[in-house]
Amino acid sequence: MAKTFLDHYNELIGYSGDVLNPDLAKTLVQRAHRDILESRSWSFLHEEGVLQAPEQIAVGTVTVTQFSTSVVVDATADAALAAVNMDIPMGTRQFRVGSTDRIYNIDSYDTGTLTLTLKEPYSEESASGVAYSVFKCYYLPPKVNLEVDFLRFISVRDLENGRPLRLNVKKVDLDRRDPQRSSTEPPIVVSSYKPDANGDPLFELWPLPTSARAYVAQFIRRGKELTADSDRLTYPLTDELLATRAQYHLCHWAEMNKGVHATLRLTDWRFLLGELSSRYERLLLNAKKQDDEIFNQNVMFPRRWGSEYPPSASWLQTHDWP
């Protein structure tokens, strides 16, 4: 059975001649673990989830006041907003008046006072009894174990229309193409928007989705730190690989702290650095080979499409690869 996090940092303390304290030993083991996680898109970091788009709400009217965050809705709009499925909370949705005004992020909705609260003050002119829409165009990546543990998308698919969405489109390109965000579904682009209040990345679907639909996303996680004493490595990572990298970081620390701890001066840490580096590269290569046996990460890409819309699945299935 694989060693626990407790085993690894206690072993490192012994390797140092009991100079390391537990907190520093934990840090060095965690640093080594992070080095390994970031060396490759490991198979165990691949996940699949959905970006869930709700149906747009655009019934009834609202009253908006310039420089205020409060939007007062009428009875018809209240009935629609109060019936919202809270699996997609109101605080994750967006609001706008008309079809070309600025898009605002919603903070909350109070059905008792018929007040929709925005996260930013409304900057357009005040108006009463005007048409509006509540929808969702900004998305957190799918969650793993109720936490955002996201590195990057591999693909996002629209199964209803049988096409992949285009990734890695910059917000500035969307601003140039559709500054008013007046285009509505079906989405063909997933673009970076900005981090949310917790620092997690938000992504924009464009054109704006207005129908309830799930977009299937395959993505790569960052990978979680070793934190609990009982945490263990995931195959194909090995105890020897982690221990070797942790010892490498110990050697760096020990070489810089020779003047502080007399015990450290008894060992030639610089010589060990080279030996440990060579062993780590060999063990890492072996782990990568075993990971390739689990999941072949070679991907074939078709020629550049030459149109705004990527080809559908039916097109790809009836044409040769380049």
C-alpha atoms as a PDB file:
ATOM      1  CA  MET A   1       0.000   0.000   0.000  1.00  0.00           C
ATOM      2  CA  ALA A   2       1.195   3.519  -0.810  1.00  0.00           C
ATOM      3  CA  LYS A   3       2.642   5.552   2.024  1.00  0.00           C
ATOM      4  CA  THR A   4       0.640   8.312   3.672  1.00  0.00           C
ATOM      5  CA  PHE A   5       1.541  11.984   3.745  1.00  0.00           C
ATOM      6  CA  LEU A   6       2.503  11.444   7.409  1.00  0.00           C
ATOM      7  CA  ASP A   7       4.936   8.699   6.387  1.00  0.00           C
ATOM      8  CA  HIS A   8       6.547  10.910   3.762  1.00  0.00           C
ATOM      9  CA  TYR A   9       7.219  13.970   5.879  1.00  0.00           C
ATOM     10  CA  ASN A  10       8.401  11.898   8.880  1.00  0.00           C
ATOM     11  CA  GLU A  11      10.797  10.071   6.556  1.00  0.00           C
ATOM     12  CA  LEU A  12      12.131  13.436   5.338  1.00  0.00           C
ATOM     13  CA  ILE A  13      12.675  14.585   8.927  1.00  0.00           C
ATOM     14  CA  GLY A  14      14.795  11.479   9.533  1.00  0.00           C
ATOM     15  CA  TYR A  15      16.706  12.029   6.292  1.00  0.00           C
ATOM     16  CA  SER A  16      17.652  15.528   7.503  1.00  0.00           C
ATOM     17  CA  GLY A  17      19.120  14.219  10.761  1.00  0.00           C
ATOM     18  CA  ASP A  18      16.031  15.449  12.646  1.00  0.00           C
ATOM     19  CA  VAL A  19      16.876  19.054  11.780  1.00  0.00           C
ATOM     20  CA  LEU A  20      13.584  19.688   9.975  1.00  0.00           C
ATOM     21  CA  ASN A  21      10.508  20.508  12.010  1.00  0.00           C
ATOM     22  CA  PRO A  22       7.205  18.897  10.905  1.00  0.00           C
ATOM     23  CA  ASP A  23       5.787  22.064   9.320  1.00  0.00           C
ATOM     24  CA  LEU A  24       8.835  22.581   7.120  1.00  0.00           C
ATOM     25  CA  ALA A  25       8.959  18.898   6.244  1.00  0.00           C
ATOM     26  CA  LYS A  26       5.296  19.064   5.165  1.00  0.00           C
ATOM     27  CA  THR A  27       6.044  22.107   3.011  1.00  0.00           C
ATOM     28  CA  LEU A  28       8.944  20.397   1.234  1.00  0.00           C
ATOM     29  CA  VAL A  29       6.880  17.268   0.537  1.00  0.00           C
ATOM     30  CA  GLN A  30       3.992  19.407  -0.749  1.00  0.00           C
ATOM     31  CA  ARG A  31       6.404  21.329  -2.961  1.00  0.00           C
ATOM     32  CA  ALA A  32       7.711  18.058  -4.392  1.00  0.00           C
ATOM     33  CA  HIS A  33       4.164  16.818  -4.986  1.00  0.00           C
ATOM     34  CA  ARG A  34       3.277  20.027  -6.824  1.00  0.00           C
ATOM     35  CA  ASP A  35       6.370  19.658  -9.046  1.00  0.00           C
ATOM     36  CA  ILE A  36       5.189  16.203 -10.046  1.00  0.00           C
ATOM     37  CA  LEU A  37       1.584  17.269 -10.679  1.00  0.00           C
ATOM     38  CA  GLU A  38       2.718  20.134 -12.909  1.00  0.00           C
ATOM     39  CA  SER A  39       5.105  18.001 -14.946  1.00  0.00           C
ATOM     40  CA  ARG A  40       2.305  16.479 -17.037  1.00  0.00           C
ATOM     41  CA  SER A  41      -1.444  16.390 -17.686  1.00  0.00           C
ATOM     42  CA  TRP A  42      -1.772  13.157 -15.719  1.00  0.00           C
ATOM     43  CA  SER A  43      -4.627  10.816 -16.616  1.00  0.00           C
ATOM     44  CA  PHE A  44      -6.090  11.008 -13.106  1.00  0.00           C
ATOM     45  CA  LEU A  45      -6.483  14.779 -13.506  1.00  0.00           C
ATOM     46  CA  HIS A  46      -8.832  14.462 -16.509  1.00  0.00           C
ATOM     47  CA  GLU A  47     -12.491  15.024 -15.674  1.00  0.00           C
ATOM     48  CA  GLU A  48     -15.827  15.572 -17.402  1.00  0.00           C
ATOM     49  CA  GLY A  49     -18.648  17.859 -16.306  1.00  0.00           C
ATOM     50  CA  VAL A  50     -21.263  20.228 -17.704  1.00  0.00           C
ATOM     51  CA  LEU A  51     -21.778  23.946 -18.134  1.00  0.00           C
ATOM     52  CA  GLN A  52     -25.498  24.231 -17.360  1.00  0.00           C
ATOM     53  CA  ALA A  53     -27.268  27.095 -19.155  1.00  0.00           C
ATOM     54  CA  PRO A  54     -30.708  28.091 -17.788  1.00  0.00           C
ATOM     55  CA  GLU A  55     -33.562  29.369 -19.915  1.00  0.00           C
ATOM     56  CA  GLN A  56     -33.667  33.127 -20.326  1.00  0.00           C
ATOM     57  CA  ILE A  57     -36.321  35.026 -18.326  1.00  0.00           C
ATOM     58  CA  ALA A  58     -37.796  37.990 -20.193  1.00  0.00           C
ATOM     59  CA  VAL A  59     -41.443  38.356 -19.123  1.00  0.00           C
ATOM     60  CA  GLY A  60     -42.929  41.398 -17.397  1.00  0.00           C
ATOM     61  CA  THR A  61     -41.130  44.708 -16.961  1.00  0.00           C
ATOM     62  CA  VAL A  62     -38.699  46.407 -14.564  1.00  0.00           C
ATOM     63  CA  THR A  63     -37.882  49.849 -13.230  1.00  0.00           C
ATOM     64  CA  VAL A  64     -34.222  50.842 -13.161  1.00  0.00           C
ATOM     65  CA  THR A  65     -32.571  53.874 -11.546  1.00  0.00           C
ATOM     66  CA  GLN A  66     -29.272  55.283 -12.748  1.00  0.00           C
ATOM     67  CA  PHE A  67     -26.363  54.689 -10.311  1.00  0.00           C
ATOM     68  CA  SER A  68     -28.489  52.363  -8.151  1.00  0.00           C
ATOM     69  CA  THR A  69     -27.969  48.625  -7.712  1.00  0.00           C
ATOM     70  CA  SER A  70     -31.695  48.029  -7.071  1.00  0.00           C
ATOM     71  CA  VAL A  71     -34.033  46.945  -9.872  1.00  0.00           C
ATOM     72  CA  VAL A  72     -37.769  46.858  -9.088  1.00  0.00           C
ATOM     73  CA  VAL A  73     -39.766  44.225 -10.992  1.00  0.00           C
ATOM     74  CA  ASP A  74     -43.489  43.991 -11.691  1.00  0.00           C
ATOM     75  CA  ALA A  75     -45.768  41.124 -10.633  1.00  0.00           C
ATOM     76  CA  THR A  76     -45.322  39.190 -13.882  1.00  0.00           C
ATOM     77  CA  ALA A  77     -41.536  39.354 -13.680  1.00  0.00           C
ATOM     78  CA  ASP A  78     -41.683  38.427  -9.980  1.00  0.00           C
ATOM     79  CA  ALA A  79     -43.620  35.246 -10.721  1.00  0.00           C
ATOM     80  CA  ALA A  80     -41.005  34.184 -13.285  1.00  0.00           C
ATOM     81  CA  LEU A  81     -38.007  35.073 -11.118  1.00  0.00           C
ATOM     82  CA  ALA A  82     -39.475  33.450  -8.000  1.00  0.00           C
ATOM     83  CA  ALA A  83     -39.916  30.186  -9.921  1.00  0.00           C
ATOM     84  CA  VAL A  84     -36.239  29.984 -10.869  1.00  0.00           C
ATOM     85  CA  ASN A  85     -34.573  26.626 -10.278  1.00  0.00           C
ATOM     86  CA  MET A  86     -32.026  27.426  -7.587  1.00  0.00           C
ATOM     87  CA  ASP A  87     -29.708  24.676  -8.827  1.00  0.00           C
ATOM     88  CA  ILE A  88     -28.452  27.632 -10.861  1.00  0.00           C
ATOM     89  CA  PRO A  89     -28.612  30.409  -8.222  1.00  0.00           C
ATOM     90  CA  MET A  90     -29.812  33.881  -9.162  1.00  0.00           C
ATOM     91  CA  GLY A  91     -26.496  35.255  -7.917  1.00  0.00           C
ATOM     92  CA  THR A  92     -24.693  33.499 -10.785  1.00  0.00           C
ATOM     93  CA  ARG A  93     -26.890  35.007 -13.517  1.00  0.00           C
ATOM     94  CA  GLN A  94     -26.798  38.230 -15.499  1.00  0.00           C
ATOM     95  CA  PHE A  95     -29.267  41.065 -16.208  1.00  0.00           C
ATOM     96  CA  ARG A  96     -29.714  43.628 -18.930  1.00  0.00           C
ATOM     97  CA  VAL A  97     -32.332  46.074 -20.195  1.00  0.00           C
ATOM     98  CA  GLY A  98     -33.129  45.669 -23.879  1.00  0.00           C
ATOM     99  CA  SER A  99     -30.803  43.686 -26.095  1.00  0.00           C
ATOM    100  CA  THR A 100     -27.777  45.961 -26.447  1.00  0.00           C
ATOM    101  CA  ASP A 101     -27.279  47.649 -23.047  1.00  0.00           C
ATOM    102  CA  ARG A 102     -24.498  46.652 -20.686  1.00  0.00           C
ATOM    103  CA  ILE A 103     -24.664  43.225 -19.039  1.00  0.00           C
ATOM    104  CA  TYR A 104     -24.787  43.343 -15.221  1.00  0.00           C
ATOM    105  CA  ASN A 105     -24.045  40.577 -12.730  1.00  0.00           C
ATOM    106  CA  ILE A 106     -26.881  39.804 -10.332  1.00  0.00           C
ATOM    107  CA  ASP A 107     -26.195  39.657  -6.606  1.00  0.00           C
ATOM    108  CA  SER A 108     -29.589  38.505  -5.291  1.00  0.00           C
ATOM    109  CA  TYR A 109     -33.361  38.649  -5.707  1.00  0.00           C
ATOM    110  CA  ASP A 110     -35.854  39.431  -2.916  1.00  0.00           C
ATOM    111  CA  THR A 111     -39.355  38.317  -3.851  1.00  0.00           C
ATOM    112  CA  GLY A 112     -40.751  40.077  -0.764  1.00  0.00           C
ATOM    113  CA  THR A 113     -39.693  43.535  -1.948  1.00  0.00           C
ATOM    114  CA  LEU A 114     -39.762  42.660  -5.672  1.00  0.00           C
ATOM    115  CA  THR A 115     -36.165  43.880  -5.857  1.00  0.00           C
ATOM    116  CA  LEU A 116     -33.377  42.477  -7.973  1.00  0.00           C
ATOM    117  CA  THR A 117     -29.982  43.606  -6.633  1.00  0.00           C
ATOM    118  CA  LEU A 118     -27.059  44.049  -9.032  1.00  0.00           C
ATOM    119  CA  LYS A 119     -23.386  43.717  -8.136  1.00  0.00           C
ATOM    120  CA  GLU A 120     -22.581  46.931 -10.047  1.00  0.00           C
ATOM    121  CA  PRO A 121     -24.561  50.201 -10.098  1.00  0.00           C
ATOM    122  CA  TYR A 122     -26.828  50.574 -13.117  1.00  0.00           C
ATOM    123  CA  SER A 123     -25.060  53.130 -15.350  1.00  0.00           C
ATOM    124  CA  GLU A 124     -27.663  53.788 -18.074  1.00  0.00           C
ATOM    125  CA  GLU A 125     -30.511  56.280 -17.817  1.00  0.00           C
ATOM    126  CA  SER A 126     -33.371  55.645 -15.390  1.00  0.00           C
ATOM    127  CA  ALA A 127     -36.445  54.011 -16.924  1.00  0.00           C
ATOM    128  CA  SER A 128     -39.772  52.613 -15.775  1.00  0.00           C
ATOM    129  CA  GLY A 129     -41.758  49.685 -17.168  1.00  0.00           C
ATOM    130  CA  VAL A 130     -39.052  48.573 -19.601  1.00  0.00           C
ATOM    131  CA  ALA A 131     -38.298  45.157 -21.080  1.00  0.00           C
ATOM    132  CA  TYR A 132     -35.402  43.223 -19.573  1.00  0.00           C
ATOM    133  CA  SER A 133     -33.776  39.797 -19.633  1.00  0.00           C
ATOM    134  CA  VAL A 134     -32.180  37.578 -17.005  1.00  0.00           C
ATOM    135  CA  PHE A 135     -29.871  34.893 -18.402  1.00  0.00           C
ATOM    136  CA  LYS A 136     -26.477  33.300 -17.808  1.00  0.00           C
ATOM    137  CA  CYS A 137     -23.446  33.951 -19.978  1.00  0.00           C
ATOM    138  CA  TYR A 138     -20.606  33.687 -17.393  1.00  0.00           C
ATOM    139  CA  TYR A 139     -19.701  30.260 -16.031  1.00  0.00           C
ATOM    140  CA  LEU A 140     -17.394  28.789 -13.448  1.00  0.00           C
ATOM    141  CA  PRO A 141     -15.721  25.609 -14.688  1.00  0.00           C
ATOM    142  CA  PRO A 142     -17.334  22.327 -13.587  1.00  0.00           C
ATOM    143  CA  LYS A 143     -16.693  21.400  -9.981  1.00  0.00           C
ATOM    144  CA  VAL A 144     -14.981  18.300  -8.650  1.00  0.00           C
ATOM    145  CA  ASN A 145     -16.020  17.213  -5.157  1.00  0.00           C
ATOM    146  CA  LEU A 146     -17.842  20.549  -4.754  1.00  0.00           C
ATOM    147  CA  GLU A 147     -14.632  22.525  -5.314  1.00  0.00           C
ATOM    148  CA  VAL A 148     -13.284  24.363  -8.324  1.00  0.00           C
ATOM    149  CA  ASP A 149     -10.102  22.420  -9.099  1.00  0.00           C
ATOM    150  CA  PHE A 150      -9.684  23.571 -12.681  1.00  0.00           C
ATOM    151  CA  LEU A 151      -6.649  24.075 -14.889  1.00  0.00           C
ATOM    152  CA  ARG A 152      -7.924  24.256 -18.481  1.00  0.00           C
ATOM    153  CA  PHE A 153     -10.570  22.981 -20.858  1.00  0.00           C
ATOM    154  CA  ILE A 154      -9.820  20.207 -23.324  1.00  0.00           C
ATOM    155  CA  SER A 155     -13.164  20.454 -25.101  1.00  0.00           C
ATOM    156  CA  VAL A 156     -16.691  21.799 -24.661  1.00  0.00           C
ATOM    157  CA  ARG A 157     -19.418  20.173 -26.790  1.00  0.00           C
ATOM    158  CA  ASP A 158     -22.894  21.217 -27.873  1.00  0.00           C
ATOM    159  CA  LEU A 159     -24.522  17.808 -28.243  1.00  0.00           C
ATOM    160  CA  GLU A 160     -27.841  19.157 -29.530  1.00  0.00           C
ATOM    161  CA  ASN A 161     -26.176  20.774 -32.552  1.00  0.00           C
ATOM    162  CA  GLY A 162     -23.405  18.176 -32.785  1.00  0.00           C
ATOM    163  CA  ARG A 163     -20.460  20.568 -32.688  1.00  0.00           C
ATOM    164  CA  PRO A 164     -17.529  21.487 -30.439  1.00  0.00           C
ATOM    165  CA  LEU A 165     -17.262  25.033 -29.094  1.00  0.00           C
ATOM    166  CA  ARG A 166     -14.137  26.968 -29.942  1.00  0.00           C
ATOM    167  CA  LEU A 167     -11.694  27.441 -27.046  1.00  0.00           C
ATOM    168  CA  ASN A 168      -8.915  29.933 -26.324  1.00  0.00           C
ATOM    169  CA  VAL A 169     -10.752  32.931 -27.811  1.00  0.00           C
ATOM    170  CA  LYS A 170      -9.775  36.140 -26.027  1.00  0.00           C
ATOM    171  CA  LYS A 171     -12.319  38.547 -24.606  1.00  0.00           C
ATOM    172  CA  VAL A 172     -10.809  41.366 -26.656  1.00  0.00           C
ATOM    173  CA  ASP A 173     -11.637  39.410 -29.820  1.00  0.00           C
ATOM    174  CA  LEU A 174     -15.260  39.036 -28.743  1.00  0.00           C
ATOM    175  CA  ASP A 175     -15.377  42.744 -27.856  1.00  0.00           C
ATOM    176  CA  ARG A 176     -14.218  43.534 -31.380  1.00  0.00           C
ATOM    177  CA  ARG A 177     -16.656  41.119 -32.986  1.00  0.00           C
ATOM    178  CA  ASP A 178     -19.747  41.777 -30.865  1.00  0.00           C
ATOM    179  CA  PRO A 179     -19.183  44.663 -28.406  1.00  0.00           C
ATOM    180  CA  GLN A 180     -22.872  44.830 -27.458  1.00  0.00           C
ATOM    181  CA  ARG A 181     -23.189  41.055 -27.045  1.00  0.00           C
ATOM    182  CA  SER A 182     -26.332  41.253 -29.160  1.00  0.00           C
ATOM    183  CA  SER A 183     -25.838  37.812 -30.718  1.00  0.00           C
ATOM    184  CA  THR A 184     -27.795  34.993 -29.125  1.00  0.00           C
ATOM    185  CA  GLU A 185     -27.441  31.225 -29.334  1.00  0.00           C
ATOM    186  CA  PRO A 186     -26.290  28.758 -30.247  1.00  0.00           C
ATOM    187  CA  PRO A 187     -22.945  29.414 -28.504  1.00  0.00           C
ATOM    188  CA  ILE A 188     -19.866  28.606 -30.574  1.00  0.00           C
ATOM    189  CA  VAL A 189     -17.136  30.090 -28.328  1.00  0.00           C
ATOM    190  CA  VAL A 190     -15.874  29.643 -24.767  1.00  0.00           C
ATOM    191  CA  SER A 191     -13.832  32.710 -23.809  1.00  0.00           C
ATOM    192  CA  SER A 192     -12.016  33.741 -20.623  1.00  0.00           C
ATOM    193  CA  TYR A 193     -13.936  36.470 -18.789  1.00  0.00           C
ATOM    194  CA  LYS A 194     -12.299  37.260 -15.423  1.00  0.00           C
ATOM    195  CA  PRO A 195     -11.733  35.700 -11.969  1.00  0.00           C
ATOM    196  CA  ASP A 196     -14.643  35.742  -9.541  1.00  0.00           C
ATOM    197  CA  ALA A 197     -14.449  37.045  -5.957  1.00  0.00           C
ATOM    198  CA  ASN A 198     -12.696  33.827  -4.866  1.00  0.00           C
ATOM    199  CA  GLY A 199     -10.122  34.011  -7.643  1.00  0.00           C
ATOM    200  CA  ASP A 200     -11.690  31.150  -9.622  1.00  0.00           C
ATOM    201  CA  PRO A 201     -11.840  31.655 -13.398  1.00  0.00           C
ATOM    202  CA  LEU A 202     -15.091  32.656 -15.095  1.00  0.00           C
ATOM    203  CA  PHE A 203     -15.739  31.876 -18.761  1.00  0.00           C
ATOM    204  CA  GLU A 204     -18.142  33.484 -21.218  1.00  0.00           C
ATOM    205  CA  LEU A 205     -20.279  31.546 -23.672  1.00  0.00           C
ATOM    206  CA  TRP A 206     -20.861  33.446 -26.923  1.00  0.00           C
ATOM    207  CA  PRO A 207     -23.313  33.995 -28.540  1.00  0.00           C
ATOM    208  CA  LEU A 208     -25.431  34.341 -25.399  1.00  0.00           C
ATOM    209  CA  PRO A 209     -27.337  31.141 -24.558  1.00  0.00           C
ATOM    210  CA  THR A 210     -31.075  31.723 -24.028  1.00  0.00           C
ATOM    211  CA  SER A 211     -32.346  28.122 -23.864  1.00  0.00           C
ATOM    212  CA  ALA A 212     -31.876  25.590 -21.077  1.00  0.00           C
ATOM    213  CA  ARG A 213     -29.095  23.286 -22.188  1.00  0.00           C
ATOM    214  CA  ALA A 214     -26.086  21.408 -20.812  1.00  0.00           C
ATOM    215  CA  TYR A 215     -22.736  21.795 -22.582  1.00  0.00           C
ATOM    216  CA  VAL A 216     -20.490  18.812 -21.913  1.00  0.00           C
ATOM    217  CA  ALA A 217     -16.980  19.847 -20.895  1.00  0.00           C
ATOM    218  CA  GLN A 218     -13.823  17.788 -20.627  1.00  0.00           C
ATOM    219  CA  PHE A 219     -11.146  19.506 -18.581  1.00  0.00           C
ATOM    220  CA  ILE A 220      -7.928  19.038 -16.641  1.00  0.00           C
ATOM    221  CA  ARG A 221      -7.712  19.643 -12.906  1.00  0.00           C
ATOM    222  CA  ARG A 222      -4.810  21.267 -11.099  1.00  0.00           C
ATOM    223  CA  GLY A 223      -4.679  18.415  -8.592  1.00  0.00           C
ATOM    224  CA  LYS A 224      -5.103  18.750  -4.842  1.00  0.00           C
ATOM    225  CA  GLU A 225      -2.312  19.234  -2.345  1.00  0.00           C
ATOM    226  CA  LEU A 226      -1.382  16.604   0.205  1.00  0.00           C
ATOM    227  CA  THR A 227      -2.907  18.046   3.382  1.00  0.00           C
ATOM    228  CA  ALA A 228      -4.346  15.345   5.644  1.00  0.00           C
ATOM    229  CA  ASP A 229      -1.871  12.936   7.274  1.00  0.00           C
ATOM    230  CA  SER A 230      -3.804  10.068   5.689  1.00  0.00           C
ATOM    231  CA  ASP A 231      -3.537  11.379   2.098  1.00  0.00           C
ATOM    232  CA  ARG A 232      -1.861   9.028  -0.388  1.00  0.00           C
ATOM    233  CA  LEU A 233      -0.543   9.289  -3.939  1.00  0.00           C
ATOM    234  CA  THR A 234      -2.607   8.327  -6.984  1.00  0.00           C
ATOM    235  CA  TYR A 235      -1.276   5.728  -9.438  1.00  0.00           C
ATOM    236  CA  PRO A 236       0.974   5.943 -11.437  1.00  0.00           C
ATOM    237  CA  LEU A 237       2.769   8.270  -9.004  1.00  0.00           C
ATOM    238  CA  THR A 238       5.039   6.291  -6.692  1.00  0.00           C
ATOM    239  CA  ASP A 239       6.353   6.791  -3.177  1.00  0.00           C
ATOM    240  CA  GLU A 240       9.926   6.639  -4.473  1.00  0.00           C
ATOM    241  CA  LEU A 241       9.220   9.409  -6.972  1.00  0.00           C
ATOM    242  CA  LEU A 242       7.793  11.722  -4.317  1.00  0.00           C
ATOM    243  CA  ALA A 243      10.487  10.882  -1.767  1.00  0.00           C
ATOM    244  CA  THR A 244      13.249  11.570  -4.296  1.00  0.00           C
ATOM    245  CA  ARG A 245      11.827  14.966  -5.224  1.00  0.00           C
ATOM    246  CA  ALA A 246      11.238  15.858  -1.566  1.00  0.00           C
ATOM    247  CA  GLN A 247      14.861  14.962  -0.761  1.00  0.00           C
ATOM    248  CA  TYR A 248      15.960  17.185  -3.643  1.00  0.00           C
ATOM    249  CA  HIS A 249      14.128  20.153  -2.071  1.00  0.00           C
ATOM    250  CA  LEU A 250      15.617  19.228   1.314  1.00  0.00           C
ATOM    251  CA  CYS A 251      19.116  19.417  -0.188  1.00  0.00           C
ATOM    252  CA  HIS A 252      18.434  22.906  -1.511  1.00  0.00           C
ATOM    253  CA  TRP A 253      17.175  24.009   1.890  1.00  0.00           C
ATOM    254  CA  ALA A 254      20.063  22.343   3.738  1.00  0.00           C
ATOM    255  CA  GLU A 255      22.714  23.928   1.509  1.00  0.00           C
ATOM    256  CA  MET A 256      21.283  27.385   2.237  1.00  0.00           C
ATOM    257  CA  ASN A 257      21.101  26.744   6.000  1.00  0.00           C
ATOM    258  CA  LYS A 258      24.519  25.207   6.683  1.00  0.00           C
ATOM    259  CA  GLY A 259      25.513  28.214   8.735  1.00  0.00           C
ATOM    260  CA  VAL A 260      22.520  27.819  11.028  1.00  0.00           C
ATOM    261  CA  HIS A 261      22.630  24.097  11.786  1.00  0.00           C
ATOM    262  CA  ALA A 262      26.014  22.488  12.492  1.00  0.00           C
ATOM    263  CA  THR A 263      24.586  19.045  11.706  1.00  0.00           C
ATOM    264  CA  LEU A 264      23.981  20.096   8.104  1.00  0.00           C
ATOM    265  CA  ARG A 265      27.668  20.820   7.572  1.00  0.00           C
ATOM    266  CA  LEU A 266      28.449  17.114   7.871  1.00  0.00           C
ATOM    267  CA  THR A 267      26.918  16.321   4.466  1.00  0.00           C
ATOM    268  CA  ASP A 268      27.848  17.443   0.940  1.00  0.00           C
ATOM    269  CA  TRP A 269      24.344  18.451  -0.110  1.00  0.00           C
ATOM    270  CA  ARG A 270      25.489  19.825  -3.480  1.00  0.00           C
ATOM    271  CA  PHE A 271      26.741  16.404  -4.527  1.00  0.00           C
ATOM    272  CA  LEU A 272      23.414  14.838  -3.513  1.00  0.00           C
ATOM    273  CA  LEU A 273      21.494  17.416  -5.559  1.00  0.00           C
ATOM    274  CA  GLY A 274      22.890  16.086  -8.822  1.00  0.00           C
ATOM    275  CA  GLU A 275      22.311  12.461  -7.880  1.00  0.00           C
ATOM    276  CA  LEU A 276      18.726  13.118  -6.753  1.00  0.00           C
ATOM    277  CA  SER A 277      17.952  15.179  -9.848  1.00  0.00           C
ATOM    278  CA  SER A 278      19.087  12.357 -12.123  1.00  0.00           C
ATOM    279  CA  ARG A 279      17.106   9.755 -10.173  1.00  0.00           C
ATOM    280  CA  TYR A 280      13.990  11.937 -10.180  1.00  0.00           C
ATOM    281  CA  GLU A 281      14.076  12.377 -13.962  1.00  0.00           C
ATOM    282  CA  ARG A 282      14.384   8.602 -14.425  1.00  0.00           C
ATOM    283  CA  LEU A 283      11.508   7.843 -12.051  1.00  0.00           C
ATOM    284  CA  LEU A 284       9.353  10.600 -13.567  1.00  0.00           C
ATOM    285  CA  LEU A 285       9.898   9.255 -17.081  1.00  0.00           C
ATOM    286  CA  ASN A 286       8.857   5.792 -15.928  1.00  0.00           C
ATOM    287  CA  ALA A 287       5.677   7.200 -14.327  1.00  0.00           C
ATOM    288  CA  LYS A 288       4.849   9.045 -17.546  1.00  0.00           C
ATOM    289  CA  LYS A 289       5.280   5.850 -19.570  1.00  0.00           C
ATOM    290  CA  GLN A 290       2.889   4.030 -17.249  1.00  0.00           C
ATOM    291  CA  ASP A 291       0.445   6.911 -17.517  1.00  0.00           C
ATOM    292  CA  ASP A 292       0.555   6.608 -21.328  1.00  0.00           C
ATOM    293  CA  GLU A 293      -0.562   3.016 -20.923  1.00  0.00           C
ATOM    294  CA  ILE A 294      -3.657   4.279 -19.124  1.00  0.00           C
ATOM    295  CA  PHE A 295      -4.453   7.237 -21.340  1.00  0.00           C
ATOM    296  CA  ASN A 296      -2.959   8.034 -24.742  1.00  0.00           C
ATOM    297  CA  GLN A 297      -2.714  11.812 -24.847  1.00  0.00           C
ATOM    298  CA  ASN A 298      -1.756  12.118 -28.516  1.00  0.00           C
ATOM    299  CA  VAL A 299      -4.510  14.098 -30.280  1.00  0.00           C
ATOM    300  CA  MET A 300      -5.159  14.471 -34.026  1.00  0.00           C
ATOM    301  CA  PHE A 301      -6.338  17.871 -35.238  1.00  0.00           C
ATOM    302  CA  PRO A 302      -8.063  18.522 -38.584  1.00  0.00           C
ATOM    303  CA  ARG A 303      -6.975  21.284 -40.923  1.00  0.00           C
ATOM    304  CA  ARG A 304      -7.899  24.870 -40.098  1.00  0.00           C
ATOM    305  CA  TRP A 305     -11.599  25.231 -40.733  1.00  0.00           C
ATOM    306  CA  GLY A 306     -11.678  28.498 -42.677  1.00  0.00           C
ATOM    307  CA  SER A 307     -15.138  29.531 -41.416  1.00  0.00           C
ATOM    308  CA  GLU A 308     -16.547  30.974 -38.241  1.00  0.00           C
ATOM    309  CA  TYR A 309     -18.376  27.746 -37.392  1.00  0.00           C
ATOM    310  CA  PRO A 310     -16.432  24.539 -36.749  1.00  0.00           C
ATOM    311  CA  PRO A 311     -17.724  21.523 -38.707  1.00  0.00           C
ATOM    312  CA  SER A 312     -20.400  19.373 -37.137  1.00  0.00           C
ATOM    313  CA  ALA A 313     -19.829  15.801 -36.004  1.00  0.00           C
ATOM    314  CA  SER A 314     -21.684  14.484 -39.079  1.00  0.00           C
ATOM    315  CA  TRP A 315     -19.281  16.421 -41.352  1.00  0.00           C
ATOM    316  CA  LEU A 316     -16.219  15.021 -39.552  1.00  0.00           C
ATOM    317  CA  GLN A 317     -17.629  11.501 -39.752  1.00  0.00           C
ATOM    318  CA  THR A 318     -17.997  11.698 -43.574  1.00  0.00           C
ATOM    319  CA  HIS A 319     -14.656  13.372 -44.417  1.00  0.00           C
ATOM    320  CA  ASP A 320     -11.108  12.070 -44.269  1.00  0.00           C
ATOM    321  CA  TRP A 321      -8.582  13.315 -41.754  1.00  0.00           C
ATOM    322  CA  PRO A 322      -5.832  15.455 -43.354  1.00  0.00           C
END
